[in-house]
Protein backbone atom coordinates (compact mmCIF):
# COMPACT_ATOMS: atom_id res chain seq x y z
CA MET A 1 138.11 122.19 129.78
CA GLU A 2 136.69 120.49 132.85
CA THR A 3 138.37 118.82 135.77
CA ILE A 4 137.35 115.14 136.89
CA LYS A 5 138.54 113.04 139.55
CA LEU A 6 139.66 109.40 139.64
CA SER A 7 137.64 107.26 141.95
CA ASN A 8 139.00 104.80 144.33
CA GLN A 9 138.27 101.90 141.90
CA GLY A 10 140.07 103.91 139.14
CA GLN A 11 137.13 104.96 137.58
CA VAL A 12 136.42 108.40 135.83
CA ILE A 13 133.07 109.98 134.72
CA ILE A 14 133.31 111.40 131.12
CA PRO A 15 131.45 114.77 131.19
CA LYS A 16 128.06 114.71 129.43
CA PHE A 17 128.69 117.11 126.93
CA LEU A 18 131.76 115.02 125.75
CA ARG A 19 129.65 111.85 125.65
CA ASP A 20 127.14 113.76 123.76
CA ALA A 21 129.50 115.36 121.14
CA HIS A 22 131.15 111.86 120.26
CA HIS A 23 127.64 110.06 120.36
CA TRP A 24 129.34 107.59 123.23
CA GLU A 25 126.22 105.80 124.80
CA PRO A 26 126.17 103.66 128.01
CA GLY A 27 128.09 100.20 127.38
CA ILE A 28 130.28 101.45 124.52
CA GLU A 29 133.82 99.80 124.74
CA LEU A 30 136.83 102.45 124.62
CA ILE A 31 140.27 101.50 124.00
CA ALA A 32 143.01 103.44 126.40
CA ILE A 33 146.31 104.72 124.60
CA ASP A 34 149.06 105.93 126.64
CA THR A 35 150.47 108.85 124.99
CA GLY A 36 153.31 109.54 127.30
CA ASP A 37 151.70 112.50 128.89
CA GLY A 38 148.06 111.32 129.28
CA ILE A 39 145.81 108.81 128.09
CA LEU A 40 143.67 108.94 124.75
CA LEU A 41 140.33 107.00 124.83
CA LYS A 42 139.09 105.97 121.51
CA PRO A 43 135.99 103.76 120.64
CA LYS A 44 136.87 100.30 120.27
CA ASN A 45 134.95 99.76 116.99
CA PRO A 46 134.92 103.26 115.52
CA PHE A 47 133.53 102.01 112.10
CA PRO A 48 129.92 100.74 111.68
CA LYS A 49 129.40 96.95 110.89
CA THR A 50 129.41 96.19 107.37
CA VAL A 51 129.15 93.06 105.27
CA LEU A 52 131.41 92.16 102.40
CA SER A 53 129.08 92.94 99.56
CA GLU A 54 129.21 96.72 100.85
CA VAL A 55 132.77 96.97 100.76
CA ALA A 56 133.79 94.50 98.11
CA GLY A 57 134.23 97.16 95.50
CA CYS A 58 137.54 98.28 97.09
CA LEU A 59 138.89 94.79 96.38
CA LYS A 60 138.93 95.20 92.63
CA TYR A 61 142.20 93.73 91.04
CA HIS A 62 143.08 94.55 87.37
CA GLY A 63 145.27 91.97 85.96
CA THR A 64 146.01 88.26 85.65
CA PRO A 65 144.33 86.33 88.48
CA LYS A 66 146.75 84.89 90.78
CA THR A 67 146.84 80.95 91.46
CA ILE A 68 146.79 79.32 94.91
CA GLU A 69 150.27 78.32 93.79
CA ASP A 70 151.25 81.97 93.06
CA MET A 71 149.80 82.96 96.54
CA ASP A 72 151.78 80.13 98.22
CA GLU A 73 154.87 81.25 96.65
CA ALA A 74 154.50 84.68 97.70
CA ILE A 75 153.82 83.75 101.18
CA HIS A 76 156.86 81.48 101.38
CA GLN A 77 159.05 84.14 99.90
CA GLY A 78 157.91 86.44 102.66
CA ILE A 79 158.66 84.20 105.35
CA GLU A 80 161.95 83.51 103.88
CA GLU A 81 162.74 87.42 103.84
CA LEU A 82 161.75 87.69 107.57
CA TRP A 83 163.80 84.67 108.65
CA ASN A 84 166.88 86.08 106.62
CA ASP A 85 166.42 89.26 108.13
CA ARG A 86 166.68 87.90 111.80
CA CYS A 87 170.21 86.45 111.10
């Protein structure tokens, strides 16, 4: 464990061994998550960019295709359920 200091501008320097271990290069965007007793830093985009053709296999649907009307009705039902749960 290494101790680091917070600057007057609210900046900290992440130790090189941690940046190297996580492959964090200059300019990487991080998100800060408040854990209650500290802050967790995570990459904003932890997954590499992909195109639809690379991941479309996980979208396979087995069954009768749904119509636009079927989808509209499902959305309508979902909205009604949410609305009724509020009352």
